Amino acid sequence: MPTFVGVFVSLLVIGLLHRFIVVDDCVDNGGVFNYENNTCLLANGQLHEFSLVSMLILLYAVVGFLVSYFVATTIRKYLKSKAK
């Protein structure tokens, strides 16, 4: 059960991190982010494409692993201390 909770929390963190990074990149390039369809519209009317996709995949994998591990370990320690 702790592993499942850890993976679920890591997916939430990755989702929030992704939203923050994509929106920040959009605004940095002078665009406006449309939350309804997750697109970035630049001032000249073009859609902005995020360019660091491969780097994001690595970042999400590392963050996902670390958050999942930390949460699962913390839950296990908490449950072990309650059992004593």
N, C-alpha and C. Protein backbone atom coordinates (compact mmCIF):
# COMPACT_ATOMS: atom_id res chain seq x y z
N MET A 1 0.80 -1.20 0.00
CA MET A 1 0.00 0.00 0.00
C MET A 1 0.85 1.28 0.00
N PRO A 2 1.95 1.35 0.79
CA PRO A 2 2.77 2.57 0.75
C PRO A 2 3.34 2.87 -0.63
N THR A 3 3.68 1.84 -1.38
CA THR A 3 4.22 2.05 -2.72
C THR A 3 3.17 2.65 -3.64
N PHE A 4 1.94 2.16 -3.53
CA PHE A 4 0.85 2.70 -4.34
C PHE A 4 0.61 4.17 -4.03
N VAL A 5 0.60 4.52 -2.76
CA VAL A 5 0.40 5.91 -2.35
C VAL A 5 1.57 6.76 -2.85
N GLY A 6 2.78 6.24 -2.76
CA GLY A 6 3.95 6.97 -3.24
C GLY A 6 3.89 7.25 -4.72
N VAL A 7 3.47 6.27 -5.50
CA VAL A 7 3.35 6.46 -6.95
C VAL A 7 2.24 7.47 -7.27
N PHE A 8 1.12 7.38 -6.57
CA PHE A 8 0.02 8.31 -6.79
C PHE A 8 0.45 9.75 -6.48
N VAL A 9 1.14 9.95 -5.35
CA VAL A 9 1.61 11.29 -4.99
C VAL A 9 2.63 11.78 -6.01
N SER A 10 3.50 10.90 -6.49
CA SER A 10 4.50 11.33 -7.47
C SER A 10 3.83 11.74 -8.78
N LEU A 11 2.75 11.06 -9.17
CA LEU A 11 2.02 11.47 -10.38
C LEU A 11 1.39 12.84 -10.21
N LEU A 12 0.87 13.12 -9.02
CA LEU A 12 0.32 14.45 -8.75
C LEU A 12 1.40 15.52 -8.82
N VAL A 13 2.55 15.24 -8.24
CA VAL A 13 3.66 16.19 -8.25
C VAL A 13 4.15 16.42 -9.67
N ILE A 14 4.27 15.36 -10.45
CA ILE A 14 4.70 15.51 -11.85
C ILE A 14 3.69 16.33 -12.64
N GLY A 15 2.42 16.11 -12.42
CA GLY A 15 1.39 16.90 -13.10
C GLY A 15 1.48 18.38 -12.78
N LEU A 16 1.67 18.69 -11.50
CA LEU A 16 1.81 20.09 -11.10
C LEU A 16 3.09 20.70 -11.65
N LEU A 17 4.17 19.94 -11.61
CA LEU A 17 5.45 20.41 -12.14
C LEU A 17 5.36 20.66 -13.64
N HIS A 18 4.72 19.76 -14.36
CA HIS A 18 4.55 19.92 -15.80
C HIS A 18 3.75 21.19 -16.12
N ARG A 19 2.65 21.37 -15.41
CA ARG A 19 1.82 22.56 -15.64
C ARG A 19 2.63 23.83 -15.38
N PHE A 20 3.40 23.84 -14.29
CA PHE A 20 4.21 25.01 -13.96
C PHE A 20 5.25 25.29 -15.02
N ILE A 21 5.97 24.25 -15.47
CA ILE A 21 7.04 24.44 -16.45
C ILE A 21 6.48 24.89 -17.79
N VAL A 22 5.41 24.28 -18.25
CA VAL A 22 4.85 24.62 -19.56
C VAL A 22 4.27 26.03 -19.55
N VAL A 23 3.53 26.38 -18.51
CA VAL A 23 2.95 27.72 -18.43
C VAL A 23 4.04 28.76 -18.30
N ASP A 24 5.06 28.49 -17.50
CA ASP A 24 6.17 29.43 -17.33
C ASP A 24 6.90 29.65 -18.65
N ASP A 25 7.14 28.58 -19.41
CA ASP A 25 7.80 28.72 -20.71
C ASP A 25 6.95 29.54 -21.67
N CYS A 26 5.65 29.34 -21.62
CA CYS A 26 4.74 30.08 -22.49
C CYS A 26 4.80 31.58 -22.18
N VAL A 27 4.71 31.92 -20.91
CA VAL A 27 4.72 33.32 -20.51
C VAL A 27 6.08 33.95 -20.78
N ASP A 28 7.16 33.20 -20.57
CA ASP A 28 8.51 33.72 -20.85
C ASP A 28 8.69 34.07 -22.32
N ASN A 29 7.99 33.36 -23.20
CA ASN A 29 8.08 33.64 -24.63
C ASN A 29 7.04 34.64 -25.11
N GLY A 30 6.37 35.31 -24.18
CA GLY A 30 5.42 36.35 -24.53
C GLY A 30 4.05 35.84 -24.94
N GLY A 31 3.73 34.63 -24.54
CA GLY A 31 2.45 34.04 -24.92
C GLY A 31 1.43 34.08 -23.80
N VAL A 32 0.25 33.62 -24.14
CA VAL A 32 -0.85 33.49 -23.18
C VAL A 32 -1.26 32.03 -23.18
N PHE A 33 -1.30 31.42 -21.99
CA PHE A 33 -1.63 30.00 -21.88
C PHE A 33 -3.13 29.83 -21.74
N ASN A 34 -3.70 28.95 -22.57
CA ASN A 34 -5.12 28.64 -22.52
C ASN A 34 -5.27 27.34 -21.74
N TYR A 35 -5.83 27.43 -20.53
CA TYR A 35 -5.94 26.27 -19.66
C TYR A 35 -7.01 25.27 -20.13
N GLU A 36 -7.96 25.72 -20.90
CA GLU A 36 -9.03 24.83 -21.36
C GLU A 36 -8.52 23.76 -22.32
N ASN A 37 -7.64 24.15 -23.25
CA ASN A 37 -7.13 23.16 -24.20
C ASN A 37 -5.61 23.01 -24.14
N ASN A 38 -4.98 23.54 -23.07
CA ASN A 38 -3.54 23.39 -22.82
C ASN A 38 -2.68 23.81 -24.01
N THR A 39 -2.92 24.97 -24.52
CA THR A 39 -2.12 25.50 -25.61
C THR A 39 -1.57 26.87 -25.23
N CYS A 40 -0.50 27.25 -25.90
CA CYS A 40 0.13 28.54 -25.68
C CYS A 40 0.02 29.35 -26.97
N LEU A 41 -0.64 30.47 -26.89
CA LEU A 41 -0.82 31.34 -28.05
C LEU A 41 0.13 32.53 -27.91
N LEU A 42 1.03 32.66 -28.87
CA LEU A 42 1.99 33.77 -28.86
C LEU A 42 1.32 35.05 -29.36
N ALA A 43 1.99 36.17 -29.15
CA ALA A 43 1.44 37.47 -29.53
C ALA A 43 1.19 37.57 -31.03
N ASN A 44 1.97 36.86 -31.85
CA ASN A 44 1.79 36.91 -33.30
C ASN A 44 0.74 35.93 -33.80
N GLY A 45 0.05 35.23 -32.88
CA GLY A 45 -1.02 34.32 -33.26
C GLY A 45 -0.60 32.88 -33.47
N GLN A 46 0.67 32.59 -33.35
CA GLN A 46 1.15 31.22 -33.54
C GLN A 46 1.06 30.44 -32.23
N LEU A 47 0.93 29.11 -32.37
CA LEU A 47 0.97 28.25 -31.20
C LEU A 47 2.42 27.97 -30.85
N HIS A 48 2.74 28.05 -29.57
CA HIS A 48 4.11 27.82 -29.10
C HIS A 48 4.30 26.34 -28.76
N GLU A 49 5.37 25.75 -29.26
CA GLU A 49 5.72 24.37 -28.97
C GLU A 49 6.87 24.36 -27.96
N PHE A 50 6.75 23.56 -26.93
CA PHE A 50 7.81 23.46 -25.94
C PHE A 50 8.98 22.69 -26.53
N SER A 51 10.20 23.18 -26.37
CA SER A 51 11.34 22.60 -27.09
C SER A 51 12.19 21.61 -26.28
N LEU A 52 12.01 21.55 -24.99
CA LEU A 52 12.89 20.70 -24.17
C LEU A 52 12.19 19.42 -23.71
N VAL A 53 11.53 18.74 -24.62
CA VAL A 53 10.73 17.58 -24.27
C VAL A 53 11.58 16.45 -23.70
N SER A 54 12.72 16.15 -24.31
CA SER A 54 13.55 15.04 -23.82
C SER A 54 14.11 15.34 -22.44
N MET A 55 14.43 16.58 -22.17
CA MET A 55 14.93 16.96 -20.86
C MET A 55 13.82 16.85 -19.81
N LEU A 56 12.59 17.19 -20.21
CA LEU A 56 11.47 17.08 -19.29
C LEU A 56 11.18 15.63 -18.91
N ILE A 57 11.31 14.73 -19.86
CA ILE A 57 11.06 13.31 -19.58
C ILE A 57 12.04 12.81 -18.52
N LEU A 58 13.30 13.19 -18.65
CA LEU A 58 14.30 12.80 -17.66
C LEU A 58 13.98 13.43 -16.31
N LEU A 59 13.63 14.70 -16.30
CA LEU A 59 13.28 15.38 -15.05
C LEU A 59 12.09 14.71 -14.37
N TYR A 60 11.06 14.39 -15.15
CA TYR A 60 9.87 13.75 -14.58
C TYR A 60 10.19 12.36 -14.02
N ALA A 61 11.06 11.62 -14.69
CA ALA A 61 11.45 10.30 -14.21
C ALA A 61 12.18 10.40 -12.88
N VAL A 62 13.12 11.34 -12.79
CA VAL A 62 13.89 11.51 -11.55
C VAL A 62 12.98 11.99 -10.43
N VAL A 63 12.17 13.00 -10.70
CA VAL A 63 11.26 13.53 -9.67
C VAL A 63 10.26 12.46 -9.25
N GLY A 64 9.71 11.73 -10.21
CA GLY A 64 8.76 10.68 -9.89
C GLY A 64 9.35 9.61 -9.00
N PHE A 65 10.56 9.18 -9.32
CA PHE A 65 11.23 8.16 -8.51
C PHE A 65 11.50 8.67 -7.10
N LEU A 66 12.06 9.88 -7.00
CA LEU A 66 12.41 10.42 -5.67
C LEU A 66 11.19 10.66 -4.80
N VAL A 67 10.14 11.24 -5.36
CA VAL A 67 8.93 11.50 -4.58
C VAL A 67 8.28 10.19 -4.17
N SER A 68 8.17 9.26 -5.08
CA SER A 68 7.57 7.97 -4.78
C SER A 68 8.34 7.25 -3.67
N TYR A 69 9.65 7.23 -3.78
CA TYR A 69 10.49 6.58 -2.79
C TYR A 69 10.35 7.26 -1.42
N PHE A 70 10.42 8.59 -1.39
CA PHE A 70 10.33 9.33 -0.13
C PHE A 70 8.98 9.12 0.55
N VAL A 71 7.91 9.20 -0.21
CA VAL A 71 6.57 9.04 0.36
C VAL A 71 6.38 7.62 0.87
N ALA A 72 6.75 6.63 0.08
CA ALA A 72 6.58 5.23 0.49
C ALA A 72 7.42 4.92 1.73
N THR A 73 8.64 5.41 1.78
CA THR A 73 9.51 5.18 2.93
C THR A 73 8.95 5.85 4.18
N THR A 74 8.45 7.06 4.03
CA THR A 74 7.87 7.78 5.16
C THR A 74 6.63 7.07 5.70
N ILE A 75 5.79 6.58 4.81
CA ILE A 75 4.59 5.86 5.24
C ILE A 75 4.97 4.56 5.94
N ARG A 76 5.95 3.84 5.40
CA ARG A 76 6.39 2.59 6.04
C ARG A 76 6.94 2.85 7.45
N LYS A 77 7.74 3.90 7.60
CA LYS A 77 8.29 4.24 8.91
C LYS A 77 7.17 4.63 9.88
N TYR A 78 6.20 5.36 9.39
CA TYR A 78 5.07 5.75 10.23
C TYR A 78 4.27 4.53 10.68
N LEU A 79 3.99 3.64 9.74
CA LEU A 79 3.23 2.44 10.08
C LEU A 79 4.00 1.53 11.03
N LYS A 80 5.32 1.46 10.85
CA LYS A 80 6.16 0.63 11.72
C LYS A 80 6.19 1.20 13.14
N SER A 81 6.22 2.54 13.25
CA SER A 81 6.24 3.15 14.58
C SER A 81 4.88 3.00 15.28
N LYS A 82 3.80 2.97 14.53
CA LYS A 82 2.46 2.79 15.10
C LYS A 82 2.27 1.35 15.58
N ALA A 83 2.95 0.39 14.93
CA ALA A 83 2.81 -1.02 15.29
C ALA A 83 3.50 -1.35 16.60
N LYS A 84 4.46 -0.53 17.00
CA LYS A 84 5.21 -0.81 18.25
C LYS A 84 4.44 -0.45 19.47
